[in-house]
Amino acid sequence: MIGGVQQKILVHQDENGNLKMDDEMGKLLFGDPNTHMKYKLVREHDGLTHHAHEIGWIEWNENGTFKEKHNELAIGRSLILDPHRMSFTWLTTSVTEIVEQQDNYIKFKTKNSNYKLFKQDNS
């Protein structure tokens, strides 16, 4: 690296106008998400994929406001990826059906999408 020259971060703009980091640049900066993340969520109809270190299941009040965060899946709860005090990576709508559930895999339906959640073995 040349002294005094700042390294460039490669980004591109997707069809919706969102800036996305180049996959290879992301791996250089943050490592391969498949080896560091514990969870992978895939939306079935378009293959949209999100990775997360942790997850939670949000229970809602009848008026649609937050009620409580849980560690277990249940009908009516929403999956939240990387829940933190003021932010999160992804939040699904409420689960309407649990299609299949195994130790490291859950297939479920929400009000507007079908998802597959994988718990990755990163040992």
N, C-alpha and C. Protein backbone atom coordinates (compact mmCIF):
# COMPACT_ATOMS: atom_id res chain seq x y z
N MET A 1 0.84 -1.18 0.00
CA MET A 1 0.00 0.00 0.00
C MET A 1 0.88 1.24 0.00
N ILE A 2 0.53 2.21 -0.78
CA ILE A 2 1.28 3.46 -0.88
C ILE A 2 0.92 4.34 0.31
N GLY A 3 1.96 4.87 0.98
CA GLY A 3 1.73 5.73 2.12
C GLY A 3 0.88 6.94 1.77
N GLY A 4 -0.11 7.26 2.61
CA GLY A 4 -0.95 8.42 2.38
C GLY A 4 -2.10 8.19 1.42
N VAL A 5 -2.21 6.98 0.85
CA VAL A 5 -3.30 6.68 -0.08
C VAL A 5 -4.31 5.80 0.64
N GLN A 6 -5.54 6.23 0.63
CA GLN A 6 -6.60 5.47 1.29
C GLN A 6 -7.11 4.37 0.37
N GLN A 7 -7.23 3.16 0.92
CA GLN A 7 -7.73 2.04 0.15
C GLN A 7 -9.20 2.27 -0.22
N LYS A 8 -9.59 1.89 -1.43
CA LYS A 8 -10.95 2.07 -1.93
C LYS A 8 -11.83 0.89 -1.51
N ILE A 9 -13.07 1.16 -1.20
CA ILE A 9 -14.05 0.12 -0.91
C ILE A 9 -14.96 0.03 -2.13
N LEU A 10 -15.02 -1.15 -2.73
CA LEU A 10 -15.79 -1.34 -3.94
C LEU A 10 -17.28 -1.53 -3.62
N VAL A 11 -18.11 -0.63 -4.15
CA VAL A 11 -19.56 -0.72 -3.97
C VAL A 11 -20.23 -0.55 -5.33
N HIS A 12 -21.48 -1.00 -5.40
CA HIS A 12 -22.29 -0.79 -6.59
C HIS A 12 -23.71 -0.45 -6.16
N GLN A 13 -24.48 0.03 -7.08
CA GLN A 13 -25.86 0.40 -6.81
C GLN A 13 -26.77 -0.67 -7.40
N ASP A 14 -27.69 -1.22 -6.57
CA ASP A 14 -28.60 -2.25 -7.09
C ASP A 14 -29.77 -1.59 -7.82
N GLU A 15 -30.69 -2.42 -8.33
CA GLU A 15 -31.81 -1.92 -9.12
C GLU A 15 -32.76 -1.02 -8.33
N ASN A 16 -32.69 -1.08 -7.00
CA ASN A 16 -33.54 -0.23 -6.16
C ASN A 16 -32.82 1.03 -5.69
N GLY A 17 -31.59 1.22 -6.15
CA GLY A 17 -30.85 2.41 -5.77
C GLY A 17 -30.07 2.26 -4.47
N ASN A 18 -30.05 1.06 -3.88
CA ASN A 18 -29.31 0.83 -2.65
C ASN A 18 -27.85 0.56 -2.95
N LEU A 19 -26.96 1.11 -2.13
CA LEU A 19 -25.54 0.84 -2.29
C LEU A 19 -25.22 -0.51 -1.67
N LYS A 20 -24.52 -1.36 -2.42
CA LYS A 20 -24.14 -2.69 -1.96
C LYS A 20 -22.64 -2.83 -2.08
N MET A 21 -22.02 -3.38 -1.03
CA MET A 21 -20.59 -3.62 -1.08
C MET A 21 -20.31 -4.84 -1.95
N ASP A 22 -19.28 -4.77 -2.75
CA ASP A 22 -18.83 -5.89 -3.54
C ASP A 22 -18.57 -7.08 -2.61
N ASP A 23 -19.01 -8.29 -2.99
CA ASP A 23 -18.88 -9.48 -2.14
C ASP A 23 -17.43 -9.75 -1.74
N GLU A 24 -16.51 -9.62 -2.69
CA GLU A 24 -15.10 -9.89 -2.39
C GLU A 24 -14.54 -8.85 -1.43
N MET A 25 -14.96 -7.60 -1.58
CA MET A 25 -14.51 -6.56 -0.66
C MET A 25 -15.07 -6.83 0.74
N GLY A 26 -16.32 -7.25 0.81
CA GLY A 26 -16.93 -7.60 2.09
C GLY A 26 -16.19 -8.72 2.78
N LYS A 27 -15.78 -9.72 2.02
CA LYS A 27 -15.01 -10.83 2.60
C LYS A 27 -13.66 -10.35 3.12
N LEU A 28 -13.02 -9.43 2.38
CA LEU A 28 -11.74 -8.89 2.84
C LEU A 28 -11.89 -8.12 4.15
N LEU A 29 -12.93 -7.30 4.24
CA LEU A 29 -13.13 -6.48 5.43
C LEU A 29 -13.70 -7.24 6.61
N PHE A 30 -14.68 -8.12 6.34
CA PHE A 30 -15.42 -8.76 7.42
C PHE A 30 -15.29 -10.27 7.47
N GLY A 31 -14.62 -10.87 6.50
CA GLY A 31 -14.53 -12.32 6.43
C GLY A 31 -15.74 -12.89 5.72
N ASP A 32 -15.69 -14.16 5.43
CA ASP A 32 -16.79 -14.84 4.75
C ASP A 32 -17.97 -14.99 5.70
N PRO A 33 -19.15 -14.42 5.38
CA PRO A 33 -20.28 -14.51 6.31
C PRO A 33 -20.72 -15.93 6.57
N ASN A 34 -20.46 -16.83 5.66
CA ASN A 34 -20.86 -18.22 5.87
C ASN A 34 -20.04 -18.91 6.94
N THR A 35 -18.85 -18.38 7.26
CA THR A 35 -18.02 -19.00 8.29
C THR A 35 -18.13 -18.29 9.63
N HIS A 36 -18.64 -17.07 9.67
CA HIS A 36 -18.69 -16.32 10.92
C HIS A 36 -20.10 -16.14 11.47
N MET A 37 -21.08 -16.29 10.66
CA MET A 37 -22.45 -16.08 11.10
C MET A 37 -23.07 -17.41 11.56
N LYS A 38 -23.90 -17.34 12.56
CA LYS A 38 -24.53 -18.55 13.09
C LYS A 38 -25.81 -18.91 12.35
N TYR A 39 -26.46 -17.93 11.72
CA TYR A 39 -27.76 -18.17 11.09
C TYR A 39 -27.78 -17.66 9.66
N LYS A 40 -28.54 -18.36 8.83
CA LYS A 40 -28.78 -17.92 7.45
C LYS A 40 -30.28 -18.00 7.20
N LEU A 41 -30.87 -16.91 6.75
CA LEU A 41 -32.30 -16.83 6.44
C LEU A 41 -32.46 -16.63 4.95
N VAL A 42 -33.28 -17.47 4.32
CA VAL A 42 -33.52 -17.38 2.88
C VAL A 42 -35.01 -17.21 2.63
N ARG A 43 -35.37 -16.15 1.91
CA ARG A 43 -36.77 -15.94 1.51
C ARG A 43 -36.97 -16.72 0.22
N GLU A 44 -37.99 -17.57 0.17
CA GLU A 44 -38.15 -18.52 -0.93
C GLU A 44 -38.44 -17.88 -2.29
N HIS A 45 -39.32 -16.90 -2.37
CA HIS A 45 -39.76 -16.45 -3.69
C HIS A 45 -38.69 -15.71 -4.50
N ASP A 46 -37.70 -15.13 -3.83
CA ASP A 46 -36.66 -14.42 -4.58
C ASP A 46 -35.24 -14.78 -4.16
N GLY A 47 -35.10 -15.67 -3.20
CA GLY A 47 -33.77 -16.10 -2.77
C GLY A 47 -33.01 -15.08 -1.94
N LEU A 48 -33.67 -13.99 -1.53
CA LEU A 48 -33.02 -12.99 -0.68
C LEU A 48 -32.45 -13.70 0.54
N THR A 49 -31.17 -13.45 0.83
CA THR A 49 -30.49 -14.14 1.92
C THR A 49 -29.91 -13.14 2.89
N HIS A 50 -30.11 -13.40 4.17
CA HIS A 50 -29.52 -12.59 5.24
C HIS A 50 -28.78 -13.53 6.18
N HIS A 51 -27.67 -13.04 6.74
CA HIS A 51 -26.89 -13.79 7.72
C HIS A 51 -26.94 -13.04 9.03
N ALA A 52 -26.86 -13.77 10.16
CA ALA A 52 -26.95 -13.12 11.46
C ALA A 52 -26.11 -13.87 12.50
N HIS A 53 -25.64 -13.12 13.47
CA HIS A 53 -24.94 -13.71 14.61
C HIS A 53 -25.94 -14.26 15.62
N GLU A 54 -27.07 -13.57 15.78
CA GLU A 54 -28.08 -14.00 16.74
C GLU A 54 -29.48 -13.70 16.21
N ILE A 55 -30.46 -14.38 16.77
CA ILE A 55 -31.84 -14.18 16.37
C ILE A 55 -32.73 -14.08 17.61
N GLY A 56 -33.95 -13.66 17.40
CA GLY A 56 -34.97 -13.65 18.44
C GLY A 56 -36.33 -13.74 17.78
N TRP A 57 -37.32 -13.98 18.60
CA TRP A 57 -38.70 -14.08 18.11
C TRP A 57 -39.53 -13.06 18.86
N ILE A 58 -40.13 -12.12 18.13
CA ILE A 58 -40.85 -10.99 18.72
C ILE A 58 -42.34 -11.32 18.85
N GLU A 59 -42.85 -11.15 20.04
CA GLU A 59 -44.30 -11.26 20.29
C GLU A 59 -44.88 -9.85 20.29
N TRP A 60 -46.04 -9.71 19.67
CA TRP A 60 -46.67 -8.40 19.50
C TRP A 60 -47.92 -8.27 20.35
N ASN A 61 -48.20 -7.05 20.80
CA ASN A 61 -49.49 -6.74 21.42
C ASN A 61 -50.56 -6.73 20.34
N GLU A 62 -51.81 -6.75 20.74
CA GLU A 62 -52.91 -6.73 19.78
C GLU A 62 -52.91 -5.48 18.91
N ASN A 63 -52.37 -4.38 19.42
CA ASN A 63 -52.33 -3.15 18.64
C ASN A 63 -51.08 -3.06 17.75
N GLY A 64 -50.28 -4.15 17.68
CA GLY A 64 -49.13 -4.20 16.79
C GLY A 64 -47.84 -3.65 17.38
N THR A 65 -47.84 -3.30 18.65
CA THR A 65 -46.62 -2.82 19.28
C THR A 65 -45.87 -3.98 19.93
N PHE A 66 -44.59 -3.76 20.19
CA PHE A 66 -43.73 -4.78 20.80
C PHE A 66 -44.27 -5.19 22.16
N LYS A 67 -44.30 -6.50 22.40
CA LYS A 67 -44.71 -7.02 23.70
C LYS A 67 -43.54 -7.65 24.42
N GLU A 68 -42.87 -8.64 23.75
CA GLU A 68 -41.78 -9.35 24.41
C GLU A 68 -40.92 -10.07 23.37
N LYS A 69 -39.63 -10.22 23.69
CA LYS A 69 -38.72 -10.99 22.84
C LYS A 69 -38.54 -12.38 23.44
N HIS A 70 -38.57 -13.40 22.58
CA HIS A 70 -38.45 -14.79 23.01
C HIS A 70 -37.30 -15.47 22.28
N ASN A 71 -36.88 -16.61 22.78
CA ASN A 71 -35.87 -17.43 22.11
C ASN A 71 -36.49 -18.55 21.30
N GLU A 72 -37.79 -18.75 21.42
CA GLU A 72 -38.47 -19.85 20.74
C GLU A 72 -39.43 -19.34 19.68
N LEU A 73 -39.52 -20.10 18.61
CA LEU A 73 -40.48 -19.85 17.53
C LEU A 73 -41.89 -20.18 18.01
N ALA A 74 -42.86 -19.39 17.59
CA ALA A 74 -44.28 -19.68 17.83
C ALA A 74 -45.11 -18.94 16.80
N ILE A 75 -46.28 -19.47 16.51
CA ILE A 75 -47.21 -18.80 15.60
C ILE A 75 -47.52 -17.42 16.17
N GLY A 76 -47.53 -16.42 15.29
CA GLY A 76 -47.83 -15.04 15.69
C GLY A 76 -46.60 -14.21 16.03
N ARG A 77 -45.44 -14.86 16.16
CA ARG A 77 -44.21 -14.13 16.44
C ARG A 77 -43.47 -13.83 15.14
N SER A 78 -42.64 -12.79 15.17
CA SER A 78 -41.81 -12.41 14.03
C SER A 78 -40.36 -12.73 14.33
N LEU A 79 -39.63 -13.18 13.31
CA LEU A 79 -38.20 -13.43 13.45
C LEU A 79 -37.45 -12.12 13.30
N ILE A 80 -36.54 -11.86 14.22
CA ILE A 80 -35.68 -10.68 14.15
C ILE A 80 -34.23 -11.16 14.11
N LEU A 81 -33.46 -10.64 13.14
CA LEU A 81 -32.06 -10.99 13.01
C LEU A 81 -31.19 -9.93 13.65
N ASP A 82 -30.21 -10.37 14.41
CA ASP A 82 -29.28 -9.48 15.11
C ASP A 82 -29.99 -8.38 15.87
N PRO A 83 -30.86 -8.77 16.83
CA PRO A 83 -31.56 -7.75 17.61
C PRO A 83 -30.63 -7.03 18.59
N HIS A 84 -30.64 -5.74 18.52
CA HIS A 84 -29.85 -4.91 19.43
C HIS A 84 -30.76 -3.82 19.95
N ARG A 85 -30.27 -3.02 20.85
CA ARG A 85 -31.12 -2.01 21.50
C ARG A 85 -31.90 -1.14 20.51
N MET A 86 -31.23 -0.60 19.53
CA MET A 86 -31.88 0.36 18.65
C MET A 86 -31.90 -0.06 17.18
N SER A 87 -31.46 -1.27 16.86
CA SER A 87 -31.39 -1.66 15.46
C SER A 87 -31.53 -3.17 15.31
N PHE A 88 -31.67 -3.60 14.07
CA PHE A 88 -31.71 -5.02 13.74
C PHE A 88 -31.37 -5.14 12.26
N THR A 89 -31.07 -6.37 11.82
CA THR A 89 -30.72 -6.61 10.43
C THR A 89 -31.95 -6.86 9.58
N TRP A 90 -32.89 -7.67 10.08
CA TRP A 90 -34.09 -8.04 9.32
C TRP A 90 -35.19 -8.41 10.30
N LEU A 91 -36.43 -8.12 9.93
CA LEU A 91 -37.59 -8.46 10.73
C LEU A 91 -38.66 -8.99 9.80
N THR A 92 -39.14 -10.21 10.05
CA THR A 92 -40.21 -10.76 9.23
C THR A 92 -41.55 -10.29 9.76
N THR A 93 -42.60 -10.50 8.97
CA THR A 93 -43.95 -10.33 9.50
C THR A 93 -44.25 -11.55 10.37
N SER A 94 -45.39 -11.59 10.98
CA SER A 94 -45.75 -12.64 11.94
C SER A 94 -45.83 -14.02 11.28
N VAL A 95 -45.33 -15.02 11.99
CA VAL A 95 -45.38 -16.40 11.51
C VAL A 95 -46.83 -16.89 11.53
N THR A 96 -47.25 -17.46 10.40
CA THR A 96 -48.61 -18.00 10.29
C THR A 96 -48.63 -19.53 10.29
N GLU A 97 -47.48 -20.14 9.91
CA GLU A 97 -47.42 -21.60 9.86
C GLU A 97 -45.97 -22.06 9.99
N ILE A 98 -45.75 -23.11 10.79
CA ILE A 98 -44.45 -23.76 10.88
C ILE A 98 -44.54 -25.00 10.01
N VAL A 99 -43.87 -24.99 8.87
CA VAL A 99 -43.97 -26.06 7.88
C VAL A 99 -43.12 -27.25 8.29
N GLU A 100 -41.88 -26.99 8.72
CA GLU A 100 -40.95 -28.05 9.11
C GLU A 100 -39.97 -27.49 10.13
N GLN A 101 -39.64 -28.31 11.12
CA GLN A 101 -38.70 -27.86 12.14
C GLN A 101 -37.78 -29.01 12.52
N GLN A 102 -36.46 -28.77 12.38
CA GLN A 102 -35.43 -29.73 12.77
C GLN A 102 -34.44 -29.00 13.67
N ASP A 103 -33.43 -29.70 14.14
CA ASP A 103 -32.45 -29.09 15.05
C ASP A 103 -31.79 -27.85 14.46
N ASN A 104 -31.38 -27.91 13.19
CA ASN A 104 -30.64 -26.80 12.58
C ASN A 104 -31.37 -26.18 11.39
N TYR A 105 -32.69 -26.36 11.31
CA TYR A 105 -33.44 -25.89 10.15
C TYR A 105 -34.90 -25.68 10.52
N ILE A 106 -35.45 -24.55 10.08
CA ILE A 106 -36.88 -24.28 10.24
C ILE A 106 -37.40 -23.72 8.93
N LYS A 107 -38.48 -24.26 8.45
CA LYS A 107 -39.17 -23.71 7.29
C LYS A 107 -40.50 -23.18 7.82
N PHE A 108 -40.77 -21.90 7.55
CA PHE A 108 -42.00 -21.31 8.08
C PHE A 108 -42.57 -20.30 7.10
N LYS A 109 -43.86 -20.02 7.30
CA LYS A 109 -44.57 -19.04 6.49
C LYS A 109 -44.95 -17.87 7.37
N THR A 110 -44.90 -16.67 6.76
CA THR A 110 -45.36 -15.47 7.45
C THR A 110 -46.55 -14.93 6.69
N LYS A 111 -47.02 -13.78 7.11
CA LYS A 111 -48.18 -13.17 6.44
C LYS A 111 -47.94 -12.91 4.96
N ASN A 112 -46.67 -12.66 4.57
CA ASN A 112 -46.44 -12.33 3.16
C ASN A 112 -45.25 -13.05 2.50
N SER A 113 -44.59 -13.99 3.19
CA SER A 113 -43.45 -14.68 2.59
C SER A 113 -43.27 -16.06 3.21
N ASN A 114 -42.51 -16.89 2.52
CA ASN A 114 -42.08 -18.19 3.04
C ASN A 114 -40.57 -18.11 3.25
N TYR A 115 -40.09 -18.67 4.36
CA TYR A 115 -38.67 -18.58 4.71
C TYR A 115 -38.11 -19.94 5.10
N LYS A 116 -36.78 -20.03 4.94
CA LYS A 116 -36.00 -21.14 5.46
C LYS A 116 -34.92 -20.53 6.34
N LEU A 117 -34.85 -20.99 7.59
CA LEU A 117 -33.84 -20.51 8.53
C LEU A 117 -32.90 -21.66 8.85
N PHE A 118 -31.61 -21.44 8.64
CA PHE A 118 -30.60 -22.46 8.90
C PHE A 118 -29.71 -22.01 10.04
N LYS A 119 -29.49 -22.90 11.00
CA LYS A 119 -28.49 -22.65 12.04
C LYS A 119 -27.23 -23.33 11.54
N GLN A 120 -26.18 -22.55 11.33
CA GLN A 120 -24.95 -23.05 10.73
C GLN A 120 -24.01 -23.54 11.80
N ASP A 121 -23.36 -24.65 11.55
CA ASP A 121 -22.39 -25.22 12.48
C ASP A 121 -21.03 -24.61 12.16
N ASN A 122 -20.59 -23.68 12.99
CA ASN A 122 -19.33 -22.98 12.74
C ASN A 122 -18.25 -23.39 13.73
N SER A 123 -18.28 -24.63 14.14
CA SER A 123 -17.29 -25.07 15.13
C SER A 123 -15.95 -25.35 14.51
